Amino acid sequence: MPLGETPRILVVEDEVLLRCLVADELREFGCDVTEVGCAEDALAYLEAGGQADLVFSDVRLSGRASGVELARELRRIDGGLPIFLTSATATSEDANGDWRFVPKPYNIPHVIRMMLDVLGVQPLERRA
């Protein structure tokens, strides 16, 4: 990611409270965040020209597609897009795909630092 650019993160989580917590923390770290509640909305956002440097998604989502199915479709569209999947009830398929897996519960600031590291962005101190 070019120096000085703001990381664009797409958060896909159907639990509204958790989605808001993660998105708010990402914003405090200086990220531009788009929030959606299901895989279909994530794909629609990207197909409409929305931009994401990284996708952070729950595995178990409401809607027709799971986070794993979303990750597979994203791989087909953009093989280099970093993807983080998270779940409290992971199967071996969830944890062992072509993405990074984060088990729930997780420490949000720690996971954000992992995301920024993957993007090659120096983590900033949180904006208080």
C-alpha atoms as a PDB file:
ATOM      1  CA  MET A   1       0.000   0.000   0.000  1.00  0.00           C
ATOM      2  CA  PRO A   2       1.495   3.389  -0.967  1.00  0.00           C
ATOM      3  CA  LEU A   3       2.857   5.526   1.842  1.00  0.00           C
ATOM      4  CA  GLY A   4       0.378   8.070   3.124  1.00  0.00           C
ATOM      5  CA  GLU A   5      -2.753   6.398   1.749  1.00  0.00           C
ATOM      6  CA  THR A   6      -5.613   5.684   4.122  1.00  0.00           C
ATOM      7  CA  PRO A   7      -6.338   1.953   4.437  1.00  0.00           C
ATOM      8  CA  ARG A   8      -9.840   1.068   3.183  1.00  0.00           C
ATOM      9  CA  ILE A   9     -11.357  -1.784   5.177  1.00  0.00           C
ATOM     10  CA  LEU A  10     -14.619  -3.576   4.376  1.00  0.00           C
ATOM     11  CA  VAL A  11     -16.162  -5.037   7.562  1.00  0.00           C
ATOM     12  CA  VAL A  12     -18.737  -7.792   6.999  1.00  0.00           C
ATOM     13  CA  GLU A  13     -20.512  -8.738  10.228  1.00  0.00           C
ATOM     14  CA  ASP A  14     -24.196  -9.423  10.854  1.00  0.00           C
ATOM     15  CA  GLU A  15     -23.997  -8.723  14.595  1.00  0.00           C
ATOM     16  CA  VAL A  16     -24.571  -4.966  14.564  1.00  0.00           C
ATOM     17  CA  LEU A  17     -22.921  -4.230  17.917  1.00  0.00           C
ATOM     18  CA  LEU A  18     -19.744  -6.145  17.064  1.00  0.00           C
ATOM     19  CA  ARG A  19     -19.635  -4.615  13.571  1.00  0.00           C
ATOM     20  CA  CYS A  20     -19.890  -1.114  15.067  1.00  0.00           C
ATOM     21  CA  LEU A  21     -17.207  -1.843  17.681  1.00  0.00           C
ATOM     22  CA  VAL A  22     -14.734  -3.120  15.072  1.00  0.00           C
ATOM     23  CA  ALA A  23     -15.519  -0.305  12.634  1.00  0.00           C
ATOM     24  CA  ASP A  24     -15.180   2.382  15.313  1.00  0.00           C
ATOM     25  CA  GLU A  25     -11.809   0.981  16.418  1.00  0.00           C
ATOM     26  CA  LEU A  26     -10.593   0.845  12.812  1.00  0.00           C
ATOM     27  CA  ARG A  27     -11.568   4.486  12.372  1.00  0.00           C
ATOM     28  CA  GLU A  28      -9.661   5.365  15.551  1.00  0.00           C
ATOM     29  CA  PHE A  29      -6.598   3.807  13.918  1.00  0.00           C
ATOM     30  CA  GLY A  30      -7.106   6.077  10.896  1.00  0.00           C
ATOM     31  CA  CYS A  31      -8.821   3.637   8.531  1.00  0.00           C
ATOM     32  CA  ASP A  32     -11.618   4.373   6.078  1.00  0.00           C
ATOM     33  CA  VAL A  33     -14.303   1.793   6.895  1.00  0.00           C
ATOM     34  CA  THR A  34     -17.322   0.478   5.038  1.00  0.00           C
ATOM     35  CA  GLU A  35     -19.710  -1.682   7.059  1.00  0.00           C
ATOM     36  CA  VAL A  36     -22.125  -4.278   5.688  1.00  0.00           C
ATOM     37  CA  GLY A  37     -24.156  -7.038   7.317  1.00  0.00           C
ATOM     38  CA  CYS A  38     -23.950  -9.873   4.801  1.00  0.00           C
ATOM     39  CA  ALA A  39     -21.838 -11.327   2.002  1.00  0.00           C
ATOM     40  CA  GLU A  40     -24.328 -10.253  -0.663  1.00  0.00           C
ATOM     41  CA  ASP A  41     -24.055  -6.607   0.431  1.00  0.00           C
ATOM     42  CA  ALA A  42     -20.258  -6.853   0.451  1.00  0.00           C
ATOM     43  CA  LEU A  43     -20.210  -8.141  -3.121  1.00  0.00           C
ATOM     44  CA  ALA A  44     -22.771  -5.545  -4.237  1.00  0.00           C
ATOM     45  CA  TYR A  45     -20.629  -2.779  -2.714  1.00  0.00           C
ATOM     46  CA  LEU A  46     -17.518  -3.967  -4.546  1.00  0.00           C
ATOM     47  CA  GLU A  47     -19.339  -4.628  -7.822  1.00  0.00           C
ATOM     48  CA  ALA A  48     -20.712  -1.057  -7.697  1.00  0.00           C
ATOM     49  CA  GLY A  49     -17.151   0.273  -7.616  1.00  0.00           C
ATOM     50  CA  GLY A  50     -16.590   0.371  -3.861  1.00  0.00           C
ATOM     51  CA  GLN A  51     -12.971   0.021  -2.835  1.00  0.00           C
ATOM     52  CA  ALA A  52     -11.358  -2.141  -0.169  1.00  0.00           C
ATOM     53  CA  ASP A  53      -7.712  -2.818   0.595  1.00  0.00           C
ATOM     54  CA  LEU A  54      -8.703  -5.579   3.037  1.00  0.00           C
ATOM     55  CA  VAL A  55     -11.879  -7.466   3.973  1.00  0.00           C
ATOM     56  CA  PHE A  56     -12.660  -8.506   7.555  1.00  0.00           C
ATOM     57  CA  SER A  57     -15.630 -10.885   7.721  1.00  0.00           C
ATOM     58  CA  ASP A  58     -17.418 -13.153  10.110  1.00  0.00           C
ATOM     59  CA  VAL A  59     -17.777 -16.738   8.870  1.00  0.00           C
ATOM     60  CA  ARG A  60     -21.371 -17.210  10.046  1.00  0.00           C
ATOM     61  CA  LEU A  61     -23.439 -14.510   8.326  1.00  0.00           C
ATOM     62  CA  SER A  62     -27.129 -13.961   7.764  1.00  0.00           C
ATOM     63  CA  GLY A  63     -28.103 -14.177   4.121  1.00  0.00           C
ATOM     64  CA  ARG A  64     -27.434 -16.843   1.528  1.00  0.00           C
ATOM     65  CA  ALA A  65     -23.618 -16.852   1.593  1.00  0.00           C
ATOM     66  CA  SER A  66     -21.173 -17.478   4.417  1.00  0.00           C
ATOM     67  CA  GLY A  67     -17.930 -15.650   5.017  1.00  0.00           C
ATOM     68  CA  VAL A  68     -16.065 -18.593   3.483  1.00  0.00           C
ATOM     69  CA  GLU A  69     -18.166 -18.352   0.323  1.00  0.00           C
ATOM     70  CA  LEU A  70     -17.547 -14.603   0.260  1.00  0.00           C
ATOM     71  CA  ALA A  71     -13.797 -15.180   0.612  1.00  0.00           C
ATOM     72  CA  ARG A  72     -13.814 -17.668  -2.273  1.00  0.00           C
ATOM     73  CA  GLU A  73     -15.684 -15.212  -4.510  1.00  0.00           C
ATOM     74  CA  LEU A  74     -13.308 -12.407  -3.535  1.00  0.00           C
ATOM     75  CA  ARG A  75     -10.354 -14.658  -4.413  1.00  0.00           C
ATOM     76  CA  ARG A  76     -11.900 -15.204  -7.843  1.00  0.00           C
ATOM     77  CA  ILE A  77     -12.341 -11.445  -8.348  1.00  0.00           C
ATOM     78  CA  ASP A  78      -9.021 -10.304  -6.830  1.00  0.00           C
ATOM     79  CA  GLY A  79      -6.543 -12.999  -5.857  1.00  0.00           C
ATOM     80  CA  GLY A  80      -4.351 -10.565  -3.947  1.00  0.00           C
ATOM     81  CA  LEU A  81      -6.975  -8.968  -1.701  1.00  0.00           C
ATOM     82  CA  PRO A  82      -6.135  -9.624   1.968  1.00  0.00           C
ATOM     83  CA  ILE A  83      -9.003 -11.376   3.736  1.00  0.00           C
ATOM     84  CA  PHE A  84      -9.455 -11.993   7.451  1.00  0.00           C
ATOM     85  CA  LEU A  85     -12.207 -14.376   8.562  1.00  0.00           C
ATOM     86  CA  THR A  86     -13.385 -14.737  12.139  1.00  0.00           C
ATOM     87  CA  SER A  87     -15.616 -17.162  14.021  1.00  0.00           C
ATOM     88  CA  ALA A  88     -16.242 -18.584  17.459  1.00  0.00           C
ATOM     89  CA  THR A  89     -17.196 -21.943  15.948  1.00  0.00           C
ATOM     90  CA  ALA A  90     -14.641 -22.579  13.249  1.00  0.00           C
ATOM     91  CA  THR A  91     -14.415 -25.698  11.162  1.00  0.00           C
ATOM     92  CA  SER A  92     -11.170 -26.800   9.544  1.00  0.00           C
ATOM     93  CA  GLU A  93     -12.471 -25.354   6.244  1.00  0.00           C
ATOM     94  CA  ASP A  94     -13.019 -21.967   7.901  1.00  0.00           C
ATOM     95  CA  ALA A  95      -9.566 -21.823   9.428  1.00  0.00           C
ATOM     96  CA  ASN A  96      -7.501 -23.369   6.643  1.00  0.00           C
ATOM     97  CA  GLY A  97      -8.393 -21.457   3.500  1.00  0.00           C
ATOM     98  CA  ASP A  98      -6.518 -18.870   1.491  1.00  0.00           C
ATOM     99  CA  TRP A  99      -7.111 -16.200   4.144  1.00  0.00           C
ATOM    100  CA  ARG A 100      -6.106 -15.340   7.674  1.00  0.00           C
ATOM    101  CA  PHE A 101      -8.297 -16.737  10.430  1.00  0.00           C
ATOM    102  CA  VAL A 102      -8.979 -14.959  13.744  1.00  0.00           C
ATOM    103  CA  PRO A 103     -10.818 -16.970  16.418  1.00  0.00           C
ATOM    104  CA  LYS A 104     -13.472 -15.229  18.517  1.00  0.00           C
ATOM    105  CA  PRO A 105     -13.266 -13.740  21.024  1.00  0.00           C
ATOM    106  CA  TYR A 106     -10.414 -11.523  19.883  1.00  0.00           C
ATOM    107  CA  ASN A 107      -8.669  -8.366  21.007  1.00  0.00           C
ATOM    108  CA  ILE A 108      -9.849  -5.743  18.499  1.00  0.00           C
ATOM    109  CA  PRO A 109      -6.766  -3.456  18.639  1.00  0.00           C
ATOM    110  CA  HIS A 110      -4.463  -6.486  18.261  1.00  0.00           C
ATOM    111  CA  VAL A 111      -6.380  -7.707  15.191  1.00  0.00           C
ATOM    112  CA  ILE A 112      -6.318  -4.203  13.692  1.00  0.00           C
ATOM    113  CA  ARG A 113      -2.543  -4.084  14.107  1.00  0.00           C
ATOM    114  CA  MET A 114      -2.350  -7.454  12.308  1.00  0.00           C
ATOM    115  CA  MET A 115      -4.468  -6.054   9.450  1.00  0.00           C
ATOM    116  CA  LEU A 116      -2.352  -2.919   9.131  1.00  0.00           C
ATOM    117  CA  ASP A 117       0.811  -5.029   9.182  1.00  0.00           C
ATOM    118  CA  VAL A 118      -0.525  -7.117   6.282  1.00  0.00           C
ATOM    119  CA  LEU A 119      -1.190  -3.885   4.380  1.00  0.00           C
ATOM    120  CA  GLY A 120       2.304  -2.623   5.156  1.00  0.00           C
ATOM    121  CA  VAL A 121       0.915   0.331   7.083  1.00  0.00           C
ATOM    122  CA  GLN A 122       2.651   1.555  10.207  1.00  0.00           C
ATOM    123  CA  PRO A 123       0.057   1.340  12.982  1.00  0.00           C
ATOM    124  CA  LEU A 124      -0.748   4.767  14.371  1.00  0.00           C
ATOM    125  CA  GLU A 125      -1.690   5.361  17.950  1.00  0.00           C
ATOM    126  CA  ARG A 126      -5.433   5.260  18.337  1.00  0.00           C
ATOM    127  CA  ARG A 127      -7.182   8.577  17.956  1.00  0.00           C
ATOM    128  CA  ALA A 128      -8.713   9.154  21.358  1.00  0.00           C
END
